[in-house]
Each structure stands twice: as C-alpha cells, then as structure tokens.
Amino acid sequence: MYLSITGVKDNKLTKYQPFESEADANAHATKYGGFAIEDIGGNQEFWIVDKEKKTITQDTATENSETAKRNAMAEIQKLESQETPRRLSEALPDDAGGSSDGRAWLKANRDKIIDERNKL
C-alpha cells in the first residue's frame, strides 16, 4: 500500500489518499503537490510527517504514553461503574445495613482507582 500525502500541517498528516500501486500514488501526489510514500502502518495520529524530506516516522514514545493513558482511563471508568447503589449501601455502617465485607470491597476498589489515576 502506498500513500499520496497531500496535506500536512505542523508535521501532522491532514490529507492523504491510499493507492495499491506506487505509480498511482506518485501520479496523484504530483497532481496535487504532495509526495508519495509506502504506508508505514501504525496509528496515523502519531505520525510525524516531514514534507521537505518526504518522510513519515512513527512517534512511538508518544503513542505508548497515550495508549497507557487511554487504558488507565478505561479501567477507571470500569471500576467506577462497579460502584452501584447496592455496592455503596453494602459499604455503610453495620447498623445501616452495611457490612465489613462491603466496606472492604469499596476500599479495595477505590485503591484500584487511585492506582490507575497515578498512571495518568
């Protein structure tokens, strides 16, 4: 797969067209003032495009960092969604219908949330 890169702003890809053949990608790039390159794969959000050098590189450090943040946020949302009214009522004092097991579960869940927030 080849790409005709025709839009770049602040070293970020803004416009491209994929092609099966290098010749078609080159023809399109020439027509629209861009450049053609073999697709490097990966998440285009993290590509660094150098229009003068006609290169694309993958910013793997940023990609890995952002992926870790997204994973942590997803885990936080999952953990928070488990704190249902039933679970919260189980964490009340014994005389209000709660139990030590319910309070222990809530504390453990909140500790997991803290661990995930520390990854952000």
N, C-alpha and C. Protein backbone atom coordinates (compact mmCIF):
# COMPACT_ATOMS: atom_id res chain seq x y z
N MET A 1 0.85 -1.17 0.00
CA MET A 1 0.00 0.00 0.00
C MET A 1 0.89 1.23 0.00
N TYR A 2 0.51 2.21 -0.82
CA TYR A 2 1.23 3.47 -0.93
C TYR A 2 0.28 4.61 -0.61
N LEU A 3 0.85 5.69 -0.12
CA LEU A 3 0.04 6.84 0.22
C LEU A 3 0.51 8.05 -0.57
N SER A 4 -0.45 8.82 -1.06
CA SER A 4 -0.17 10.12 -1.63
C SER A 4 -0.48 11.13 -0.54
N ILE A 5 0.55 11.76 -0.02
CA ILE A 5 0.41 12.72 1.06
C ILE A 5 0.24 14.11 0.43
N THR A 6 -0.93 14.70 0.62
CA THR A 6 -1.19 16.00 0.00
C THR A 6 -1.54 17.08 1.03
N GLY A 7 -1.63 16.73 2.28
CA GLY A 7 -1.92 17.72 3.31
C GLY A 7 -1.11 17.47 4.56
N VAL A 8 -0.34 18.48 4.96
CA VAL A 8 0.48 18.39 6.17
C VAL A 8 0.41 19.75 6.88
N LYS A 9 0.15 19.71 8.17
CA LYS A 9 0.15 20.94 8.97
C LYS A 9 0.84 20.64 10.29
N ASP A 10 1.83 21.44 10.61
CA ASP A 10 2.60 21.27 11.85
C ASP A 10 3.13 19.84 11.97
N ASN A 11 3.64 19.32 10.88
CA ASN A 11 4.23 17.97 10.79
C ASN A 11 3.21 16.86 11.08
N LYS A 12 1.94 17.17 10.96
CA LYS A 12 0.89 16.18 11.15
C LYS A 12 0.16 15.97 9.82
N LEU A 13 -0.21 14.74 9.58
CA LEU A 13 -0.94 14.37 8.38
C LEU A 13 -2.35 14.94 8.43
N THR A 14 -2.74 15.69 7.39
CA THR A 14 -4.10 16.22 7.35
C THR A 14 -4.89 15.70 6.15
N LYS A 15 -4.18 15.26 5.09
CA LYS A 15 -4.88 14.77 3.92
C LYS A 15 -3.98 13.78 3.17
N TYR A 16 -4.59 12.63 2.83
CA TYR A 16 -3.85 11.62 2.08
C TYR A 16 -4.83 10.76 1.30
N GLN A 17 -4.28 10.01 0.35
CA GLN A 17 -5.10 9.07 -0.43
C GLN A 17 -4.29 7.77 -0.56
N PRO A 18 -4.87 6.65 -0.18
CA PRO A 18 -4.16 5.37 -0.33
C PRO A 18 -4.26 4.85 -1.77
N PHE A 19 -3.22 4.16 -2.19
CA PHE A 19 -3.17 3.54 -3.52
C PHE A 19 -2.51 2.18 -3.42
N GLU A 20 -2.93 1.27 -4.28
CA GLU A 20 -2.30 -0.04 -4.34
C GLU A 20 -0.93 0.03 -5.00
N SER A 21 -0.78 0.91 -6.00
CA SER A 21 0.50 0.95 -6.72
C SER A 21 1.25 2.24 -6.42
N GLU A 22 2.54 2.13 -6.43
CA GLU A 22 3.41 3.28 -6.20
C GLU A 22 3.24 4.30 -7.32
N ALA A 23 3.07 3.82 -8.56
CA ALA A 23 2.91 4.72 -9.70
C ALA A 23 1.66 5.59 -9.55
N ASP A 24 0.55 4.99 -9.12
CA ASP A 24 -0.68 5.76 -8.93
C ASP A 24 -0.53 6.77 -7.80
N ALA A 25 0.15 6.38 -6.73
CA ALA A 25 0.38 7.30 -5.62
C ALA A 25 1.25 8.48 -6.06
N ASN A 26 2.28 8.19 -6.85
CA ASN A 26 3.15 9.25 -7.36
C ASN A 26 2.40 10.20 -8.28
N ALA A 27 1.57 9.64 -9.16
CA ALA A 27 0.81 10.48 -10.09
C ALA A 27 -0.13 11.42 -9.32
N HIS A 28 -0.81 10.88 -8.34
CA HIS A 28 -1.72 11.69 -7.53
C HIS A 28 -0.96 12.76 -6.76
N ALA A 29 0.17 12.38 -6.16
CA ALA A 29 0.97 13.33 -5.39
C ALA A 29 1.49 14.45 -6.27
N THR A 30 1.92 14.11 -7.47
CA THR A 30 2.42 15.13 -8.40
C THR A 30 1.30 16.09 -8.78
N LYS A 31 0.13 15.55 -9.07
CA LYS A 31 -1.01 16.37 -9.48
C LYS A 31 -1.44 17.35 -8.38
N TYR A 32 -1.35 16.93 -7.10
CA TYR A 32 -1.85 17.75 -6.01
C TYR A 32 -0.76 18.35 -5.13
N GLY A 33 0.48 18.32 -5.60
CA GLY A 33 1.56 18.99 -4.88
C GLY A 33 1.99 18.32 -3.59
N GLY A 34 1.93 17.02 -3.58
CA GLY A 34 2.34 16.29 -2.38
C GLY A 34 3.51 15.38 -2.67
N PHE A 35 3.57 14.29 -1.94
CA PHE A 35 4.59 13.27 -2.18
C PHE A 35 4.00 11.91 -1.89
N ALA A 36 4.61 10.89 -2.47
CA ALA A 36 4.14 9.52 -2.28
C ALA A 36 5.15 8.76 -1.44
N ILE A 37 4.61 7.83 -0.65
CA ILE A 37 5.46 7.04 0.24
C ILE A 37 4.76 5.72 0.52
N GLU A 38 5.55 4.71 0.83
CA GLU A 38 4.97 3.44 1.24
C GLU A 38 4.36 3.61 2.63
N ASP A 39 3.19 3.04 2.82
CA ASP A 39 2.49 3.14 4.09
C ASP A 39 3.31 2.46 5.18
N ILE A 40 3.61 3.20 6.27
CA ILE A 40 4.42 2.63 7.35
C ILE A 40 3.56 1.89 8.36
N GLY A 41 2.24 1.99 8.23
CA GLY A 41 1.35 1.31 9.17
C GLY A 41 1.27 2.05 10.50
N GLY A 42 0.64 1.43 11.44
CA GLY A 42 0.52 2.04 12.76
C GLY A 42 -0.58 3.08 12.80
N ASN A 43 -0.69 3.74 13.92
CA ASN A 43 -1.72 4.74 14.14
C ASN A 43 -1.27 6.07 13.56
N GLN A 44 -1.99 6.57 12.57
CA GLN A 44 -1.61 7.81 11.89
C GLN A 44 -1.63 9.02 12.81
N GLU A 45 -2.35 8.92 13.90
CA GLU A 45 -2.39 10.01 14.86
C GLU A 45 -0.99 10.33 15.39
N PHE A 46 -0.10 9.36 15.34
CA PHE A 46 1.24 9.53 15.90
C PHE A 46 2.33 9.59 14.83
N TRP A 47 1.93 9.84 13.60
CA TRP A 47 2.91 10.00 12.54
C TRP A 47 3.49 11.41 12.59
N ILE A 48 4.77 11.50 12.32
CA ILE A 48 5.44 12.79 12.15
C ILE A 48 5.83 12.87 10.68
N VAL A 49 5.28 13.87 9.99
CA VAL A 49 5.47 14.00 8.54
C VAL A 49 6.44 15.14 8.28
N ASP A 50 7.49 14.84 7.51
CA ASP A 50 8.44 15.85 7.07
C ASP A 50 8.26 16.01 5.56
N LYS A 51 7.55 17.06 5.18
CA LYS A 51 7.22 17.25 3.76
C LYS A 51 8.47 17.51 2.92
N GLU A 52 9.44 18.25 3.46
CA GLU A 52 10.65 18.54 2.69
C GLU A 52 11.47 17.27 2.43
N LYS A 53 11.62 16.45 3.47
CA LYS A 53 12.38 15.20 3.32
C LYS A 53 11.55 14.08 2.73
N LYS A 54 10.24 14.30 2.66
CA LYS A 54 9.30 13.30 2.14
C LYS A 54 9.37 12.00 2.95
N THR A 55 9.27 12.18 4.26
CA THR A 55 9.34 11.02 5.16
C THR A 55 8.20 11.06 6.18
N ILE A 56 7.90 9.89 6.69
CA ILE A 56 6.96 9.75 7.80
C ILE A 56 7.63 8.84 8.83
N THR A 57 7.60 9.26 10.07
CA THR A 57 8.10 8.41 11.15
C THR A 57 7.01 8.26 12.20
N GLN A 58 7.08 7.20 12.94
CA GLN A 58 6.10 6.91 13.99
C GLN A 58 6.66 7.41 15.31
N ASP A 59 5.91 8.25 16.01
CA ASP A 59 6.30 8.73 17.34
C ASP A 59 5.83 7.69 18.36
N THR A 60 6.61 6.63 18.50
CA THR A 60 6.19 5.51 19.35
C THR A 60 6.17 5.88 20.83
N ALA A 61 7.04 6.78 21.25
CA ALA A 61 7.06 7.18 22.66
C ALA A 61 5.73 7.85 23.03
N THR A 62 5.28 8.77 22.20
CA THR A 62 4.00 9.44 22.46
C THR A 62 2.85 8.46 22.33
N GLU A 63 2.92 7.60 21.31
CA GLU A 63 1.86 6.61 21.12
C GLU A 63 1.74 5.69 22.34
N ASN A 64 2.85 5.20 22.84
CA ASN A 64 2.83 4.33 24.01
C ASN A 64 2.29 5.05 25.24
N SER A 65 2.70 6.30 25.42
CA SER A 65 2.23 7.09 26.56
C SER A 65 0.72 7.33 26.47
N GLU A 66 0.25 7.72 25.30
CA GLU A 66 -1.18 7.98 25.12
C GLU A 66 -2.00 6.70 25.26
N THR A 67 -1.48 5.60 24.75
CA THR A 67 -2.18 4.32 24.87
C THR A 67 -2.30 3.93 26.34
N ALA A 68 -1.24 4.12 27.11
CA ALA A 68 -1.28 3.81 28.54
C ALA A 68 -2.31 4.68 29.25
N LYS A 69 -2.38 5.96 28.89
CA LYS A 69 -3.37 6.87 29.49
C LYS A 69 -4.79 6.43 29.14
N ARG A 70 -5.01 6.08 27.88
CA ARG A 70 -6.34 5.64 27.46
C ARG A 70 -6.74 4.36 28.18
N ASN A 71 -5.79 3.45 28.32
CA ASN A 71 -6.08 2.20 29.03
C ASN A 71 -6.41 2.46 30.49
N ALA A 72 -5.67 3.38 31.11
CA ALA A 72 -5.93 3.72 32.52
C ALA A 72 -7.31 4.36 32.66
N MET A 73 -7.66 5.25 31.76
CA MET A 73 -8.98 5.90 31.83
C MET A 73 -10.09 4.86 31.64
N ALA A 74 -9.90 3.93 30.73
CA ALA A 74 -10.91 2.88 30.53
C ALA A 74 -11.07 2.02 31.78
N GLU A 75 -9.95 1.71 32.43
CA GLU A 75 -10.01 0.91 33.66
C GLU A 75 -10.69 1.70 34.79
N ILE A 76 -10.41 2.99 34.88
CA ILE A 76 -11.06 3.83 35.90
C ILE A 76 -12.57 3.83 35.68
N GLN A 77 -12.98 4.01 34.44
CA GLN A 77 -14.42 4.01 34.14
C GLN A 77 -15.06 2.67 34.49
N LYS A 78 -14.34 1.58 34.20
CA LYS A 78 -14.87 0.25 34.53
C LYS A 78 -15.02 0.09 36.04
N LEU A 79 -13.98 0.49 36.78
CA LEU A 79 -14.02 0.36 38.24
C LEU A 79 -15.11 1.25 38.85
N GLU A 80 -15.21 2.47 38.36
CA GLU A 80 -16.23 3.38 38.90
C GLU A 80 -17.64 2.87 38.60
N SER A 81 -17.82 2.25 37.45
CA SER A 81 -19.16 1.75 37.10
C SER A 81 -19.58 0.59 38.00
N GLN A 82 -18.63 -0.05 38.65
CA GLN A 82 -18.95 -1.15 39.56
C GLN A 82 -19.49 -0.66 40.90
N GLU A 83 -19.32 0.63 41.16
CA GLU A 83 -19.80 1.20 42.42
C GLU A 83 -21.28 1.55 42.29
N THR A 84 -22.07 0.53 42.24
CA THR A 84 -23.51 0.65 42.10
C THR A 84 -24.15 1.03 43.43
N PRO A 85 -25.39 1.48 43.41
CA PRO A 85 -26.07 1.78 44.69
C PRO A 85 -26.04 0.59 45.66
N ARG A 86 -26.19 -0.62 45.16
CA ARG A 86 -26.15 -1.79 46.04
C ARG A 86 -24.78 -1.92 46.69
N ARG A 87 -23.71 -1.77 45.88
CA ARG A 87 -22.35 -1.88 46.44
C ARG A 87 -22.10 -0.78 47.47
N LEU A 88 -22.57 0.43 47.17
CA LEU A 88 -22.36 1.54 48.10
C LEU A 88 -23.14 1.31 49.39
N SER A 89 -24.36 0.77 49.29
CA SER A 89 -25.13 0.52 50.53
C SER A 89 -24.48 -0.58 51.36
N GLU A 90 -23.79 -1.52 50.71
CA GLU A 90 -23.08 -2.57 51.45
C GLU A 90 -21.88 -2.01 52.21
N ALA A 91 -21.45 -0.79 51.83
CA ALA A 91 -20.30 -0.17 52.50
C ALA A 91 -20.72 0.73 53.66
N LEU A 92 -22.00 0.83 53.90
CA LEU A 92 -22.49 1.65 55.03
C LEU A 92 -22.14 0.96 56.35
N PRO A 93 -22.29 1.70 57.44
CA PRO A 93 -22.08 1.07 58.77
C PRO A 93 -23.03 -0.12 58.96
N ASP A 94 -22.64 -1.03 59.82
CA ASP A 94 -23.45 -2.24 60.07
C ASP A 94 -24.90 -1.91 60.46
N ASP A 95 -25.05 -0.89 61.31
CA ASP A 95 -26.41 -0.57 61.76
C ASP A 95 -27.26 0.09 60.68
N ALA A 96 -26.66 0.42 59.54
CA ALA A 96 -27.40 0.99 58.42
C ALA A 96 -27.54 -0.02 57.28
N GLY A 97 -27.22 -1.29 57.55
CA GLY A 97 -27.38 -2.33 56.54
C GLY A 97 -26.11 -2.71 55.80
N GLY A 98 -25.01 -2.09 56.16
CA GLY A 98 -23.76 -2.41 55.51
C GLY A 98 -23.04 -3.55 56.21
N SER A 99 -21.83 -3.84 55.71
CA SER A 99 -21.04 -4.91 56.32
C SER A 99 -19.55 -4.60 56.15
N SER A 100 -18.74 -5.28 56.95
CA SER A 100 -17.29 -5.09 56.83
C SER A 100 -16.80 -5.56 55.46
N ASP A 101 -17.43 -6.62 54.93
CA ASP A 101 -17.05 -7.09 53.58
C ASP A 101 -17.36 -6.02 52.53
N GLY A 102 -18.50 -5.36 52.67
CA GLY A 102 -18.88 -4.30 51.73
C GLY A 102 -17.92 -3.13 51.79
N ARG A 103 -17.53 -2.76 53.03
CA ARG A 103 -16.57 -1.66 53.18
C ARG A 103 -15.20 -2.05 52.65
N ALA A 104 -14.82 -3.29 52.86
CA ALA A 104 -13.52 -3.76 52.35
C ALA A 104 -13.52 -3.75 50.82
N TRP A 105 -14.62 -4.19 50.22
CA TRP A 105 -14.69 -4.19 48.75
C TRP A 105 -14.57 -2.78 48.21
N LEU A 106 -15.31 -1.83 48.81
CA LEU A 106 -15.28 -0.45 48.35
C LEU A 106 -13.88 0.14 48.50
N LYS A 107 -13.24 -0.12 49.63
CA LYS A 107 -11.88 0.40 49.83
C LYS A 107 -10.92 -0.17 48.80
N ALA A 108 -11.01 -1.47 48.56
CA ALA A 108 -10.14 -2.11 47.56
C ALA A 108 -10.39 -1.53 46.17
N ASN A 109 -11.65 -1.30 45.84
CA ASN A 109 -11.98 -0.74 44.53
C ASN A 109 -11.44 0.68 44.40
N ARG A 110 -11.60 1.48 45.46
CA ARG A 110 -11.09 2.85 45.43
C ARG A 110 -9.56 2.86 45.34
N ASP A 111 -8.91 1.90 45.99
CA ASP A 111 -7.45 1.80 45.89
C ASP A 111 -7.02 1.48 44.45
N LYS A 112 -7.80 0.64 43.78
CA LYS A 112 -7.50 0.31 42.38
C LYS A 112 -7.67 1.57 41.52
N ILE A 113 -8.68 2.35 41.79
CA ILE A 113 -8.89 3.60 41.04
C ILE A 113 -7.72 4.56 41.25
N ILE A 114 -7.25 4.66 42.48
CA ILE A 114 -6.10 5.52 42.78
C ILE A 114 -4.87 5.04 42.00
N ASP A 115 -4.66 3.73 41.97
CA ASP A 115 -3.52 3.18 41.23
C ASP A 115 -3.61 3.56 39.76
N GLU A 116 -4.81 3.48 39.18
CA GLU A 116 -4.97 3.83 37.77
C GLU A 116 -4.78 5.33 37.54
N ARG A 117 -5.29 6.14 38.47
CA ARG A 117 -5.11 7.60 38.31
C ARG A 117 -3.64 7.98 38.37
N ASN A 118 -2.87 7.24 39.13
CA ASN A 118 -1.43 7.53 39.21
C ASN A 118 -0.71 7.25 37.90
N LYS A 119 -1.34 6.50 37.01
CA LYS A 119 -0.75 6.21 35.70
C LYS A 119 -0.96 7.36 34.71
N LEU A 120 -1.85 8.28 35.08
CA LEU A 120 -2.16 9.39 34.17
C LEU A 120 -1.13 10.48 34.21
